[in-house]
Amino acid sequence: MKNAMKIVLVGVMALFCVNEAMAGSFKDRRDGKKYETVKIGRQTWMAENLNYKMEDSYCNPENNCGDGYGRLYTWDAALNACPSGWRLPSKTDFEKLLAFVKGIDAYGDDESAARHLRFKYDWTTKVGDNASGFSVLPAGRYEHFAEKFAFLGEAANFWSSTEDGSSLAHLLYVNGYKAAVGPYYKASWVSVRCLQD
């Protein structure tokens, strides 16, 4: 019983520290848009999707880049999308994020990581508790091979700077059941979260 109480107490403290004490914001000088930020472990992340209009960035017609969903980017575009002082995270950066988020509770698995990353609303699958403050919204992606937008309301994807061969690059994938890092087609359009340098 004492161990269970300790786990609950540690979880409550982690929620408070991540969500309240570590939040901030910054303004992108390129277009004046303001973004919420969050410190998770030793990393400072954008707490919403990048919404900077540039070549090879697109709006999903169902949400028109609004309400924090941001724009979708090809991998090549994503490499140069982040504002000064911020960068596209590497595969290792996403792995560090997942390791920290898994430590928020005693479960420590891919499903609990996804729950702690997901925003509390807008998911047609399972809503999250957003214990990390990362506030993932299910922006879906544009699948170049199928020539269609897919998974709006069901999943989110975020490019990393790490390539996996000539046609693939690693991304962070979050849905209602797991959060994981793996390769995907560079020509597809997915969301971007920038990491502070």
Protein backbone atom coordinates (compact mmCIF):
# COMPACT_ATOMS: atom_id res chain seq x y z
CA MET A 1 0.00 0.00 0.00
CA LYS A 2 2.83 2.40 0.84
CA ASN A 3 4.48 1.74 -2.55
CA ALA A 4 1.21 2.47 -4.36
CA MET A 5 0.87 5.77 -2.48
CA LYS A 6 4.45 6.70 -3.42
CA ILE A 7 3.75 5.99 -7.10
CA VAL A 8 0.61 8.15 -7.02
CA LEU A 9 2.47 10.98 -5.26
CA VAL A 10 5.37 10.87 -7.75
CA GLY A 11 2.87 10.91 -10.65
CA VAL A 12 1.02 13.93 -9.25
CA MET A 13 4.30 15.78 -8.70
CA ALA A 14 5.44 14.99 -12.25
CA LEU A 15 2.14 16.24 -13.67
CA PHE A 16 2.42 19.48 -11.73
CA CYS A 17 6.05 20.08 -12.64
CA VAL A 18 5.68 19.33 -16.33
CA ASN A 19 2.36 21.02 -16.99
CA GLU A 20 2.57 24.07 -14.75
CA ALA A 21 6.12 25.07 -13.90
CA MET A 22 7.74 24.32 -17.25
CA ALA A 23 5.34 25.99 -19.71
CA GLY A 24 6.29 29.04 -21.76
CA SER A 25 5.90 30.61 -25.19
CA PHE A 26 7.82 32.29 -27.99
CA LYS A 27 7.07 34.29 -31.14
CA ASP A 28 8.32 33.23 -34.57
CA ARG A 29 9.95 36.39 -35.98
CA ARG A 30 9.32 35.23 -39.55
CA ASP A 31 5.53 35.61 -39.43
CA GLY A 32 4.69 36.79 -35.89
CA LYS A 33 2.92 33.56 -34.84
CA LYS A 34 3.10 32.75 -31.15
CA TYR A 35 3.73 29.15 -29.97
CA GLU A 36 3.33 27.56 -26.57
CA THR A 37 6.39 25.66 -25.32
CA VAL A 38 7.01 23.03 -22.67
CA LYS A 39 10.12 21.72 -20.94
CA ILE A 40 10.06 17.92 -20.73
CA GLY A 41 13.07 16.52 -18.90
CA ARG A 42 16.01 18.55 -20.21
CA GLN A 43 14.40 19.32 -23.56
CA THR A 44 12.33 22.39 -24.45
CA TRP A 45 9.73 21.62 -27.13
CA MET A 46 7.08 23.49 -29.03
CA ALA A 47 3.79 22.44 -27.37
CA GLU A 48 1.88 22.83 -30.64
CA ASN A 49 2.45 22.00 -34.29
CA LEU A 50 4.47 24.33 -36.49
CA ASN A 51 2.26 26.48 -38.72
CA TYR A 52 4.83 28.30 -40.87
CA LYS A 53 3.78 28.63 -44.51
CA MET A 54 6.55 27.67 -46.92
CA GLU A 55 7.07 25.68 -50.10
CA ASP A 56 6.12 22.00 -49.68
CA SER A 57 3.95 22.71 -46.64
CA TYR A 58 0.24 22.06 -46.84
CA CYS A 59 -3.01 22.38 -44.93
CA ASN A 60 -5.25 19.39 -44.47
CA PRO A 61 -8.51 20.69 -46.02
CA GLU A 62 -10.53 19.28 -43.11
CA ASN A 63 -8.92 21.55 -40.49
CA ASN A 64 -7.36 24.27 -42.67
CA CYS A 65 -4.25 24.45 -40.42
CA GLY A 66 -6.33 25.85 -37.56
CA ASP A 67 -6.80 25.16 -33.85
CA GLY A 68 -3.19 24.13 -33.20
CA TYR A 69 -3.12 21.49 -35.95
CA GLY A 70 -0.56 23.44 -37.98
CA ARG A 71 0.72 22.62 -41.43
CA LEU A 72 1.97 19.32 -42.85
CA TYR A 73 5.47 19.22 -44.39
CA THR A 74 7.50 16.95 -46.64
CA TRP A 75 10.71 15.77 -44.99
CA ASP A 76 12.87 18.02 -47.17
CA ALA A 77 10.76 21.04 -46.24
CA ALA A 78 10.78 20.08 -42.54
CA LEU A 79 14.59 20.19 -42.43
CA ASN A 80 14.44 23.99 -42.91
CA ALA A 81 11.09 24.77 -41.31
CA CYS A 82 12.02 25.58 -37.70
CA PRO A 83 12.67 29.20 -36.67
CA SER A 84 16.03 30.54 -35.51
CA GLY A 85 17.05 29.04 -32.16
CA TRP A 86 15.00 25.90 -32.84
CA ARG A 87 15.66 22.78 -34.89
CA LEU A 88 14.04 19.64 -36.24
CA PRO A 89 14.61 16.95 -33.59
CA SER A 90 16.66 13.85 -34.34
CA LYS A 91 15.54 10.26 -33.81
CA THR A 92 17.59 10.29 -30.59
CA ASP A 93 15.77 13.44 -29.38
CA PHE A 94 12.41 11.69 -29.82
CA GLU A 95 13.73 8.58 -28.05
CA LYS A 96 14.78 10.75 -25.08
CA LEU A 97 11.31 12.34 -25.04
CA LEU A 98 9.62 8.93 -25.00
CA ALA A 99 11.93 7.61 -22.27
CA PHE A 100 11.10 10.59 -20.05
CA VAL A 101 7.35 10.41 -20.71
CA LYS A 102 7.29 6.66 -20.03
CA GLY A 103 8.75 7.45 -16.59
CA ILE A 104 5.78 9.60 -15.58
CA ASP A 105 3.94 6.57 -14.22
CA ALA A 106 4.69 3.02 -13.14
CA TYR A 107 3.53 1.47 -16.44
CA GLY A 108 6.38 2.83 -18.54
CA ASP A 109 5.16 1.37 -21.84
CA ASP A 110 4.31 2.66 -25.34
CA GLU A 111 0.60 2.94 -24.53
CA SER A 112 1.12 5.04 -21.41
CA ALA A 113 3.60 7.24 -23.32
CA ALA A 114 0.96 7.87 -25.99
CA ARG A 115 -1.62 8.71 -23.33
CA HIS A 116 0.73 11.22 -21.68
CA LEU A 117 1.55 12.86 -25.04
CA ARG A 118 -2.00 13.13 -26.40
CA PHE A 119 -4.11 16.25 -25.87
CA LYS A 120 -7.34 15.70 -23.90
CA TYR A 121 -9.66 16.50 -26.84
CA ASP A 122 -10.14 15.95 -30.59
CA TRP A 123 -9.22 12.25 -30.67
CA THR A 124 -11.75 9.88 -32.25
CA THR A 125 -9.88 6.93 -30.72
CA LYS A 126 -8.70 7.38 -27.12
CA VAL A 127 -8.21 10.81 -25.57
CA GLY A 128 -5.05 11.44 -23.59
CA ASP A 129 -4.25 12.96 -20.24
CA ASN A 130 -1.50 15.23 -21.67
CA ALA A 131 0.58 14.66 -18.54
CA SER A 132 3.71 15.61 -20.49
CA GLY A 133 2.34 18.94 -21.72
CA PHE A 134 3.34 17.97 -25.30
CA SER A 135 -0.33 18.39 -26.37
CA VAL A 136 -0.42 16.10 -29.41
CA LEU A 137 -3.40 16.68 -31.70
CA PRO A 138 -4.38 14.03 -34.28
CA ALA A 139 -3.44 16.00 -37.42
CA GLY A 140 -3.08 12.88 -39.56
CA ARG A 141 -0.85 12.91 -42.64
CA TYR A 142 -0.90 13.05 -46.41
CA GLU A 143 0.14 9.71 -47.89
CA HIS A 144 1.91 10.45 -51.16
CA PHE A 145 1.59 6.90 -52.50
CA ALA A 146 -2.20 6.86 -51.94
CA GLU A 147 -2.60 10.55 -52.84
CA LYS A 148 -4.92 11.27 -49.92
CA PHE A 149 -5.08 12.77 -46.43
CA ALA A 150 -5.49 10.08 -43.78
CA PHE A 151 -5.86 9.54 -40.04
CA LEU A 152 -7.18 12.98 -39.10
CA GLY A 153 -8.65 12.49 -35.62
CA GLU A 154 -6.79 9.19 -35.18
CA ALA A 155 -3.01 9.73 -35.30
CA ALA A 156 -0.19 12.26 -35.34
CA ASN A 157 3.26 12.07 -36.92
CA PHE A 158 6.29 14.33 -36.44
CA TRP A 159 9.38 14.37 -38.66
CA SER A 160 12.87 13.84 -37.26
CA SER A 161 16.06 14.94 -39.00
CA THR A 162 17.34 11.33 -39.09
CA GLU A 163 17.32 9.59 -42.45
CA ASP A 164 16.86 5.86 -42.98
CA GLY A 165 18.12 5.35 -46.52
CA SER A 166 17.34 7.47 -49.56
CA SER A 167 13.53 7.38 -49.37
CA LEU A 168 12.80 7.08 -45.63
CA ALA A 169 13.27 9.21 -42.51
CA HIS A 170 12.39 8.54 -38.89
CA LEU A 171 9.34 10.11 -37.29
CA LEU A 172 7.49 10.03 -33.98
CA TYR A 173 4.13 8.29 -34.38
CA VAL A 174 1.36 8.73 -31.80
CA ASN A 175 -2.09 7.14 -31.95
CA GLY A 176 -4.67 5.97 -29.43
CA TYR A 177 -2.63 2.92 -28.46
CA LYS A 178 1.09 3.66 -28.72
CA ALA A 179 3.87 6.17 -29.22
CA ALA A 180 6.94 5.00 -31.14
CA VAL A 181 9.76 6.16 -33.40
CA GLY A 182 10.23 4.55 -36.80
CA PRO A 183 10.87 5.18 -40.50
CA TYR A 184 8.36 6.57 -43.00
CA TYR A 185 8.38 7.86 -46.59
CA LYS A 186 10.05 11.27 -46.96
CA ALA A 187 7.64 12.35 -49.67
CA SER A 188 4.66 12.15 -47.31
CA TRP A 189 3.48 15.26 -45.50
CA VAL A 190 3.37 15.17 -41.70
CA SER A 191 3.52 17.60 -38.77
CA VAL A 192 6.60 19.28 -37.31
CA ARG A 193 7.48 19.99 -33.69
CA CYS A 194 10.63 22.00 -33.19
CA LEU A 195 13.15 21.50 -30.37
CA GLN A 196 15.03 24.41 -28.84
CA ASP A 197 18.76 24.46 -29.60
